[in-house]
Amino acid sequence: MTIRILITGGTIDKEYDKLSGKLEFTKSSIPQLLQQARCDVPITLEIVMLKDSLEMVDVDRMEITKRCIDSSEEEIIITHGTDTMVETGKILAQRVKDKIVVLVGAMVPYAFGGSDALFNLASAITAVQLLPYGIYVTMNGKTFRWNNVRKNKKIGRFEELSS
């Protein structure tokens, strides 16, 4: 089985632009992360967009959903900004059936030292192979159903709404 990774941007792929002093997108770091992890799982990468999730609109979420539906793979990981993962998860859950979709991101860009990107991506790769059909968020070593998680901005972690 091959896993499809849909790359949509988010902090995981941001880099510091020394001229503007801002975090920006120039390319995806996912190929480098996979190489660093020495991942032996067959993976197909597909760049959908490189966008901050706070700038995503429903048209973007529908494009992500369409790519999931059109994918021949049943196991799909979506790299995504952490601020609006749940909103994307909601749209995916309404339309994507018979697939395992895991949304994943990072609190610190991969390009920075001390990033959680590699650990989170590795967790998503494992989770997508073990979970039943559905839409999930994997962050900080935990996996949540899309509708039972929130980002706690005060502590910089994802937490379950109810157990």
N, C-alpha and C. Protein backbone atom coordinates (compact mmCIF):
# COMPACT_ATOMS: atom_id res chain seq x y z
N MET A 1 0.84 -1.19 0.00
CA MET A 1 0.00 0.00 0.00
C MET A 1 0.88 1.25 0.00
N THR A 2 0.47 2.21 -0.77
CA THR A 2 1.15 3.49 -0.83
C THR A 2 0.34 4.52 -0.04
N ILE A 3 1.05 5.37 0.66
CA ILE A 3 0.44 6.50 1.36
C ILE A 3 0.58 7.73 0.49
N ARG A 4 -0.49 8.49 0.37
CA ARG A 4 -0.43 9.77 -0.34
C ARG A 4 -0.30 10.87 0.70
N ILE A 5 0.68 11.75 0.52
CA ILE A 5 0.80 12.93 1.36
C ILE A 5 0.44 14.15 0.53
N LEU A 6 -0.63 14.81 0.95
CA LEU A 6 -1.06 16.06 0.33
C LEU A 6 -0.43 17.21 1.13
N ILE A 7 0.37 18.00 0.47
CA ILE A 7 1.08 19.10 1.11
C ILE A 7 0.28 20.38 0.89
N THR A 8 -0.10 21.03 1.99
CA THR A 8 -0.90 22.26 1.86
C THR A 8 -0.25 23.47 2.51
N GLY A 9 0.89 23.28 3.15
CA GLY A 9 1.56 24.42 3.77
C GLY A 9 1.52 24.34 5.27
N GLY A 10 1.35 25.48 5.91
CA GLY A 10 1.37 25.53 7.37
C GLY A 10 2.78 25.74 7.88
N THR A 11 2.87 25.89 9.17
CA THR A 11 4.15 26.18 9.83
C THR A 11 5.22 25.15 9.48
N ILE A 12 4.85 23.90 9.31
CA ILE A 12 5.81 22.83 9.02
C ILE A 12 6.71 23.19 7.83
N ASP A 13 6.18 23.95 6.86
CA ASP A 13 6.93 24.28 5.64
C ASP A 13 7.41 25.73 5.57
N LYS A 14 7.23 26.49 6.62
CA LYS A 14 7.66 27.90 6.57
C LYS A 14 9.16 28.02 6.79
N GLU A 15 9.71 29.06 6.16
CA GLU A 15 11.13 29.39 6.31
C GLU A 15 11.25 30.87 6.62
N TYR A 16 12.33 31.25 7.26
CA TYR A 16 12.56 32.65 7.61
C TYR A 16 13.21 33.37 6.44
N ASP A 17 12.57 34.44 5.98
CA ASP A 17 13.13 35.28 4.92
C ASP A 17 13.95 36.39 5.58
N LYS A 18 15.27 36.33 5.39
CA LYS A 18 16.16 37.29 6.04
C LYS A 18 15.95 38.72 5.55
N LEU A 19 15.48 38.87 4.33
CA LEU A 19 15.27 40.22 3.80
C LEU A 19 14.01 40.87 4.34
N SER A 20 12.92 40.12 4.36
CA SER A 20 11.65 40.70 4.82
C SER A 20 11.45 40.53 6.33
N GLY A 21 12.17 39.57 6.92
CA GLY A 21 12.00 39.31 8.35
C GLY A 21 10.73 38.54 8.66
N LYS A 22 10.14 37.92 7.64
CA LYS A 22 8.88 37.20 7.82
C LYS A 22 9.06 35.72 7.53
N LEU A 23 8.12 34.94 8.04
CA LEU A 23 8.07 33.52 7.69
C LEU A 23 7.31 33.38 6.38
N GLU A 24 7.91 32.67 5.43
CA GLU A 24 7.33 32.53 4.10
C GLU A 24 7.51 31.11 3.59
N PHE A 25 6.84 30.84 2.47
CA PHE A 25 6.97 29.54 1.81
C PHE A 25 7.84 29.69 0.57
N THR A 26 8.82 28.80 0.43
CA THR A 26 9.60 28.75 -0.81
C THR A 26 9.51 27.37 -1.45
N LYS A 27 9.43 26.35 -0.59
CA LYS A 27 9.32 24.96 -1.05
C LYS A 27 8.82 24.14 0.12
N SER A 28 8.51 22.88 -0.15
CA SER A 28 8.09 21.99 0.93
C SER A 28 9.30 21.28 1.52
N SER A 29 9.31 21.12 2.81
CA SER A 29 10.38 20.39 3.49
C SER A 29 10.04 18.91 3.67
N ILE A 30 8.87 18.49 3.22
CA ILE A 30 8.44 17.10 3.44
C ILE A 30 9.40 16.08 2.81
N PRO A 31 9.89 16.28 1.57
CA PRO A 31 10.85 15.30 1.04
C PRO A 31 12.09 15.16 1.94
N GLN A 32 12.57 16.26 2.45
CA GLN A 32 13.75 16.23 3.33
C GLN A 32 13.42 15.52 4.65
N LEU A 33 12.25 15.77 5.19
CA LEU A 33 11.82 15.09 6.42
C LEU A 33 11.77 13.58 6.21
N LEU A 34 11.20 13.14 5.10
CA LEU A 34 11.10 11.70 4.81
C LEU A 34 12.48 11.08 4.65
N GLN A 35 13.37 11.81 4.02
CA GLN A 35 14.74 11.30 3.85
C GLN A 35 15.44 11.21 5.21
N GLN A 36 15.29 12.24 6.02
CA GLN A 36 15.91 12.24 7.34
C GLN A 36 15.38 11.10 8.21
N ALA A 37 14.10 10.81 8.08
CA ALA A 37 13.48 9.74 8.87
C ALA A 37 13.82 8.36 8.33
N ARG A 38 14.42 8.31 7.15
CA ARG A 38 14.74 7.04 6.49
C ARG A 38 13.50 6.18 6.34
N CYS A 39 12.45 6.84 5.92
CA CYS A 39 11.14 6.20 5.78
C CYS A 39 11.17 5.20 4.62
N ASP A 40 10.80 3.95 4.92
CA ASP A 40 10.76 2.89 3.90
C ASP A 40 9.36 2.63 3.37
N VAL A 41 8.38 3.37 3.85
CA VAL A 41 7.00 3.19 3.40
C VAL A 41 6.85 3.84 2.03
N PRO A 42 6.19 3.17 1.07
CA PRO A 42 5.96 3.81 -0.22
C PRO A 42 5.04 5.03 -0.05
N ILE A 43 5.52 6.17 -0.53
CA ILE A 43 4.79 7.43 -0.37
C ILE A 43 4.77 8.19 -1.68
N THR A 44 3.60 8.74 -2.00
CA THR A 44 3.45 9.64 -3.12
C THR A 44 3.20 11.04 -2.56
N LEU A 45 4.00 12.00 -2.97
CA LEU A 45 3.84 13.38 -2.52
C LEU A 45 3.09 14.19 -3.57
N GLU A 46 2.21 15.05 -3.10
CA GLU A 46 1.44 15.91 -4.01
C GLU A 46 1.30 17.28 -3.35
N ILE A 47 1.86 18.30 -3.98
CA ILE A 47 1.71 19.66 -3.46
C ILE A 47 0.39 20.22 -3.95
N VAL A 48 -0.50 20.52 -3.02
CA VAL A 48 -1.80 21.12 -3.34
C VAL A 48 -1.67 22.64 -3.31
N MET A 49 -1.01 23.14 -2.27
CA MET A 49 -0.77 24.57 -2.10
C MET A 49 0.27 24.71 -1.00
N LEU A 50 0.86 25.88 -0.89
CA LEU A 50 1.71 26.22 0.24
C LEU A 50 1.11 27.48 0.84
N LYS A 51 0.30 27.28 1.89
CA LYS A 51 -0.50 28.37 2.41
C LYS A 51 -0.58 28.29 3.93
N ASP A 52 -0.60 29.43 4.57
CA ASP A 52 -0.88 29.50 6.00
C ASP A 52 -2.34 29.14 6.20
N SER A 53 -2.64 28.28 7.15
CA SER A 53 -4.02 27.83 7.30
C SER A 53 -4.96 28.96 7.71
N LEU A 54 -4.44 30.02 8.30
CA LEU A 54 -5.29 31.17 8.63
C LEU A 54 -5.76 31.89 7.37
N GLU A 55 -5.06 31.67 6.26
CA GLU A 55 -5.45 32.27 4.98
C GLU A 55 -6.29 31.34 4.12
N MET A 56 -6.50 30.11 4.58
CA MET A 56 -7.32 29.16 3.82
C MET A 56 -8.78 29.57 3.86
N VAL A 57 -9.44 29.35 2.74
CA VAL A 57 -10.88 29.60 2.62
C VAL A 57 -11.54 28.29 2.18
N ASP A 58 -12.86 28.30 2.14
CA ASP A 58 -13.58 27.07 1.80
C ASP A 58 -13.19 26.50 0.43
N VAL A 59 -12.86 27.37 -0.52
CA VAL A 59 -12.43 26.88 -1.85
C VAL A 59 -11.16 26.04 -1.70
N ASP A 60 -10.24 26.47 -0.83
CA ASP A 60 -9.02 25.69 -0.59
C ASP A 60 -9.36 24.35 0.05
N ARG A 61 -10.25 24.37 1.02
CA ARG A 61 -10.64 23.14 1.71
C ARG A 61 -11.36 22.18 0.75
N MET A 62 -12.14 22.72 -0.15
CA MET A 62 -12.81 21.87 -1.13
C MET A 62 -11.80 21.25 -2.10
N GLU A 63 -10.75 21.99 -2.44
CA GLU A 63 -9.70 21.43 -3.30
C GLU A 63 -8.98 20.29 -2.59
N ILE A 64 -8.68 20.47 -1.32
CA ILE A 64 -8.06 19.40 -0.53
C ILE A 64 -8.97 18.18 -0.50
N THR A 65 -10.26 18.42 -0.26
CA THR A 65 -11.25 17.34 -0.22
C THR A 65 -11.32 16.61 -1.55
N LYS A 66 -11.34 17.36 -2.64
CA LYS A 66 -11.39 16.76 -3.98
C LYS A 66 -10.16 15.87 -4.21
N ARG A 67 -9.00 16.33 -3.79
CA ARG A 67 -7.78 15.54 -3.97
C ARG A 67 -7.86 14.24 -3.16
N CYS A 68 -8.46 14.31 -1.98
CA CYS A 68 -8.63 13.08 -1.17
C CYS A 68 -9.57 12.11 -1.88
N ILE A 69 -10.70 12.61 -2.34
CA ILE A 69 -11.69 11.77 -3.00
C ILE A 69 -11.11 11.14 -4.27
N ASP A 70 -10.36 11.94 -5.03
CA ASP A 70 -9.80 11.48 -6.30
C ASP A 70 -8.58 10.56 -6.13
N SER A 71 -8.01 10.53 -4.94
CA SER A 71 -6.82 9.73 -4.70
C SER A 71 -7.13 8.24 -4.80
N SER A 72 -6.26 7.50 -5.46
CA SER A 72 -6.43 6.04 -5.51
C SER A 72 -6.01 5.40 -4.20
N GLU A 73 -5.24 6.11 -3.40
CA GLU A 73 -4.80 5.59 -2.11
C GLU A 73 -5.91 5.77 -1.06
N GLU A 74 -6.00 4.81 -0.16
CA GLU A 74 -6.95 4.90 0.95
C GLU A 74 -6.31 5.56 2.17
N GLU A 75 -5.00 5.58 2.23
CA GLU A 75 -4.26 6.16 3.35
C GLU A 75 -3.68 7.50 2.91
N ILE A 76 -4.18 8.58 3.53
CA ILE A 76 -3.80 9.93 3.12
C ILE A 76 -3.38 10.75 4.33
N ILE A 77 -2.26 11.42 4.19
CA ILE A 77 -1.80 12.38 5.20
C ILE A 77 -1.86 13.76 4.56
N ILE A 78 -2.36 14.72 5.32
CA ILE A 78 -2.41 16.11 4.84
C ILE A 78 -1.55 16.95 5.77
N THR A 79 -0.48 17.54 5.23
CA THR A 79 0.27 18.50 6.03
C THR A 79 -0.51 19.79 6.00
N HIS A 80 -0.67 20.41 7.16
CA HIS A 80 -1.65 21.49 7.29
C HIS A 80 -1.23 22.41 8.43
N GLY A 81 -1.58 23.66 8.32
CA GLY A 81 -1.37 24.59 9.42
C GLY A 81 -2.21 24.20 10.62
N THR A 82 -1.70 24.43 11.81
CA THR A 82 -2.35 23.94 13.02
C THR A 82 -3.58 24.75 13.43
N ASP A 83 -3.68 25.98 12.98
CA ASP A 83 -4.78 26.84 13.44
C ASP A 83 -6.15 26.44 12.93
N THR A 84 -6.22 25.84 11.75
CA THR A 84 -7.54 25.52 11.18
C THR A 84 -7.69 24.06 10.74
N MET A 85 -6.92 23.18 11.35
CA MET A 85 -7.03 21.76 11.02
C MET A 85 -8.45 21.23 11.23
N VAL A 86 -9.08 21.65 12.31
CA VAL A 86 -10.41 21.15 12.63
C VAL A 86 -11.43 21.59 11.58
N GLU A 87 -11.32 22.82 11.10
CA GLU A 87 -12.24 23.30 10.05
C GLU A 87 -12.10 22.46 8.78
N THR A 88 -10.87 22.15 8.41
CA THR A 88 -10.65 21.30 7.24
C THR A 88 -11.16 19.88 7.53
N GLY A 89 -10.91 19.39 8.73
CA GLY A 89 -11.40 18.07 9.11
C GLY A 89 -12.91 17.95 9.00
N LYS A 90 -13.61 19.00 9.36
CA LYS A 90 -15.07 18.98 9.29
C LYS A 90 -15.55 18.80 7.84
N ILE A 91 -14.97 19.54 6.92
CA ILE A 91 -15.37 19.43 5.51
C ILE A 91 -14.99 18.06 4.96
N LEU A 92 -13.81 17.58 5.32
CA LEU A 92 -13.39 16.25 4.88
C LEU A 92 -14.35 15.18 5.38
N ALA A 93 -14.74 15.27 6.65
CA ALA A 93 -15.62 14.25 7.24
C ALA A 93 -16.98 14.21 6.57
N GLN A 94 -17.43 15.32 6.03
CA GLN A 94 -18.73 15.37 5.35
C GLN A 94 -18.69 14.70 3.99
N ARG A 95 -17.51 14.59 3.38
CA ARG A 95 -17.44 14.16 1.99
C ARG A 95 -16.53 12.96 1.71
N VAL A 96 -15.54 12.73 2.54
CA VAL A 96 -14.57 11.66 2.27
C VAL A 96 -14.95 10.42 3.07
N LYS A 97 -15.26 9.38 2.37
CA LYS A 97 -15.65 8.10 2.99
C LYS A 97 -14.68 7.01 2.54
N ASP A 98 -14.59 5.95 3.27
CA ASP A 98 -13.76 4.80 2.92
C ASP A 98 -12.29 5.14 2.72
N LYS A 99 -11.79 6.09 3.52
CA LYS A 99 -10.37 6.43 3.50
C LYS A 99 -9.95 6.79 4.91
N ILE A 100 -8.68 6.68 5.16
CA ILE A 100 -8.10 7.14 6.42
C ILE A 100 -7.34 8.41 6.09
N VAL A 101 -7.74 9.51 6.70
CA VAL A 101 -7.11 10.80 6.44
C VAL A 101 -6.58 11.34 7.77
N VAL A 102 -5.29 11.65 7.79
CA VAL A 102 -4.66 12.19 8.99
C VAL A 102 -4.08 13.57 8.67
N LEU A 103 -4.55 14.58 9.39
CA LEU A 103 -4.00 15.92 9.28
C LEU A 103 -2.86 16.07 10.27
N VAL A 104 -1.77 16.68 9.82
CA VAL A 104 -0.59 16.83 10.67
C VAL A 104 0.10 18.15 10.35
N GLY A 105 0.77 18.70 11.33
CA GLY A 105 1.51 19.94 11.15
C GLY A 105 2.61 20.04 12.16
N ALA A 106 3.03 21.27 12.41
CA ALA A 106 4.10 21.51 13.38
C ALA A 106 3.88 22.86 14.05
N MET A 107 4.32 22.97 15.27
CA MET A 107 4.25 24.24 15.99
C MET A 107 5.46 25.11 15.66
N VAL A 108 6.56 24.45 15.27
CA VAL A 108 7.80 25.14 14.92
C VAL A 108 8.20 24.69 13.52
N PRO A 109 8.55 25.62 12.62
CA PRO A 109 8.94 25.21 11.26
C PRO A 109 10.10 24.21 11.27
N TYR A 110 10.06 23.29 10.31
CA TYR A 110 11.13 22.31 10.18
C TYR A 110 12.48 23.00 9.98
N ALA A 111 12.48 24.11 9.27
CA ALA A 111 13.71 24.82 8.97
C ALA A 111 14.39 25.37 10.23
N PHE A 112 13.67 25.45 11.34
CA PHE A 112 14.22 25.93 12.60
C PHE A 112 14.71 24.73 13.41
N GLY A 113 15.70 24.91 14.21
CA GLY A 113 16.14 23.86 15.12
C GLY A 113 15.07 23.61 16.17
N GLY A 114 14.99 22.39 16.64
CA GLY A 114 14.05 22.05 17.69
C GLY A 114 12.61 21.93 17.23
N SER A 115 12.40 21.72 15.95
CA SER A 115 11.04 21.59 15.42
C SER A 115 10.44 20.24 15.79
N ASP A 116 9.13 20.24 15.94
CA ASP A 116 8.38 19.02 16.17
C ASP A 116 7.93 18.36 14.86
N ALA A 117 8.35 18.89 13.74
CA ALA A 117 7.88 18.44 12.42
C ALA A 117 8.19 16.97 12.16
N LEU A 118 9.43 16.54 12.38
CA LEU A 118 9.82 15.17 12.07
C LEU A 118 9.03 14.17 12.93
N PHE A 119 8.93 14.44 14.21
CA PHE A 119 8.20 13.55 15.11
C PHE A 119 6.72 13.49 14.71
N ASN A 120 6.12 14.63 14.43
CA ASN A 120 4.70 14.65 14.07
C ASN A 120 4.44 13.93 12.76
N LEU A 121 5.29 14.14 11.75
CA LEU A 121 5.11 13.45 10.47
C LEU A 121 5.28 11.94 10.64
N ALA A 122 6.29 11.52 11.39
CA ALA A 122 6.50 10.09 11.61
C ALA A 122 5.30 9.48 12.34
N SER A 123 4.75 10.21 13.30
CA SER A 123 3.56 9.73 14.00
C SER A 123 2.39 9.58 13.05
N ALA A 124 2.22 10.53 12.13
CA ALA A 124 1.12 10.47 11.16
C ALA A 124 1.29 9.29 10.22
N ILE A 125 2.53 9.01 9.80
CA ILE A 125 2.78 7.88 8.91
C ILE A 125 2.41 6.57 9.59
N THR A 126 2.73 6.44 10.85
CA THR A 126 2.36 5.24 11.60
C THR A 126 0.85 5.18 11.80
N ALA A 127 0.26 6.30 12.23
CA ALA A 127 -1.18 6.34 12.53
C ALA A 127 -2.03 5.98 11.31
N VAL A 128 -1.69 6.53 10.16
CA VAL A 128 -2.52 6.31 8.96
C VAL A 128 -2.55 4.84 8.55
N GLN A 129 -1.53 4.09 8.94
CA GLN A 129 -1.48 2.66 8.62
C GLN A 129 -2.26 1.80 9.60
N LEU A 130 -2.61 2.35 10.75
CA LEU A 130 -3.23 1.55 11.81
C LEU A 130 -4.68 1.90 12.09
N LEU A 131 -5.11 3.09 11.72
CA LEU A 131 -6.45 3.58 12.06
C LEU A 131 -7.52 3.03 11.12
N PRO A 132 -8.76 2.95 11.61
CA PRO A 132 -9.89 2.62 10.72
C PRO A 132 -10.26 3.86 9.89
N TYR A 133 -11.12 3.65 8.90
CA TYR A 133 -11.57 4.77 8.07
C TYR A 133 -12.05 5.92 8.96
N GLY A 134 -11.70 7.14 8.54
CA GLY A 134 -12.13 8.32 9.29
C GLY A 134 -11.15 9.46 9.09
N ILE A 135 -11.43 10.57 9.75
CA ILE A 135 -10.62 11.78 9.65
C ILE A 135 -10.02 12.05 11.04
N TYR A 136 -8.70 12.26 11.06
CA TYR A 136 -7.97 12.38 12.32
C TYR A 136 -6.99 13.55 12.28
N VAL A 137 -6.56 13.95 13.47
CA VAL A 137 -5.48 14.91 13.65
C VAL A 137 -4.42 14.22 14.49
N THR A 138 -3.17 14.27 14.05
CA THR A 138 -2.07 13.70 14.82
C THR A 138 -1.06 14.81 15.10
N MET A 139 -0.87 15.05 16.39
CA MET A 139 0.10 16.06 16.85
C MET A 139 0.62 15.63 18.21
N ASN A 140 1.86 15.97 18.50
CA ASN A 140 2.45 15.75 19.82
C ASN A 140 2.40 14.29 20.28
N GLY A 141 2.47 13.35 19.35
CA GLY A 141 2.47 11.94 19.70
C GLY A 141 1.10 11.37 20.01
N LYS A 142 0.06 12.17 19.78
CA LYS A 142 -1.30 11.71 20.04
C LYS A 142 -2.12 11.80 18.76
N THR A 143 -3.12 10.93 18.65
CA THR A 143 -4.03 10.95 17.52
C THR A 143 -5.44 11.17 18.05
N PHE A 144 -6.14 12.09 17.40
CA PHE A 144 -7.49 12.49 17.82
C PHE A 144 -8.45 12.38 16.64
N ARG A 145 -9.71 12.09 16.90
CA ARG A 145 -10.73 12.26 15.87
C ARG A 145 -10.85 13.76 15.62
N TRP A 146 -11.11 14.13 14.38
CA TRP A 146 -11.13 15.54 13.99
C TRP A 146 -12.09 16.37 14.85
N ASN A 147 -13.18 15.77 15.31
CA ASN A 147 -14.22 16.50 16.03
C ASN A 147 -14.08 16.38 17.55
N ASN A 148 -12.93 15.88 18.01
CA ASN A 148 -12.72 15.74 19.44
C ASN A 148 -11.34 16.27 19.83
N VAL A 149 -10.94 17.39 19.20
CA VAL A 149 -9.63 17.96 19.46
C VAL A 149 -9.68 19.48 19.30
N ARG A 150 -8.78 20.12 20.03
CA ARG A 150 -8.60 21.56 19.85
C ARG A 150 -7.15 21.90 20.08
N LYS A 151 -6.74 23.00 19.49
CA LYS A 151 -5.40 23.51 19.71
C LYS A 151 -5.45 24.43 20.92
N ASN A 152 -4.67 24.11 21.92
CA ASN A 152 -4.56 24.96 23.09
C ASN A 152 -3.39 25.91 22.83
N LYS A 153 -3.71 27.14 22.45
CA LYS A 153 -2.68 28.10 22.06
C LYS A 153 -1.84 28.56 23.25
N LYS A 154 -2.37 28.46 24.44
CA LYS A 154 -1.63 28.89 25.64
C LYS A 154 -0.45 27.97 25.93
N ILE A 155 -0.64 26.68 25.71
CA ILE A 155 0.44 25.73 26.00
C ILE A 155 1.08 25.15 24.73
N GLY A 156 0.54 25.51 23.56
CA GLY A 156 1.12 25.05 22.30
C GLY A 156 1.00 23.57 22.06
N ARG A 157 -0.15 23.01 22.42
CA ARG A 157 -0.40 21.58 22.24
C ARG A 157 -1.84 21.34 21.82
N PHE A 158 -2.05 20.16 21.25
CA PHE A 158 -3.41 19.74 20.92
C PHE A 158 -3.92 18.90 22.06
N GLU A 159 -5.22 19.04 22.36
CA GLU A 159 -5.80 18.29 23.46
C GLU A 159 -7.18 17.78 23.10
N GLU A 160 -7.51 16.67 23.71
CA GLU A 160 -8.81 16.05 23.50
C GLU A 160 -9.90 16.89 24.17
N LEU A 161 -11.05 17.02 23.49
CA LEU A 161 -12.17 17.76 24.08
C LEU A 161 -12.83 16.96 25.19
N SER A 162 -13.07 15.66 24.94
CA SER A 162 -13.67 14.79 25.95
C SER A 162 -13.13 13.38 25.75
N SER A 163 -13.14 12.62 26.82
CA SER A 163 -12.59 11.26 26.67
C SER A 163 -13.66 10.21 26.66
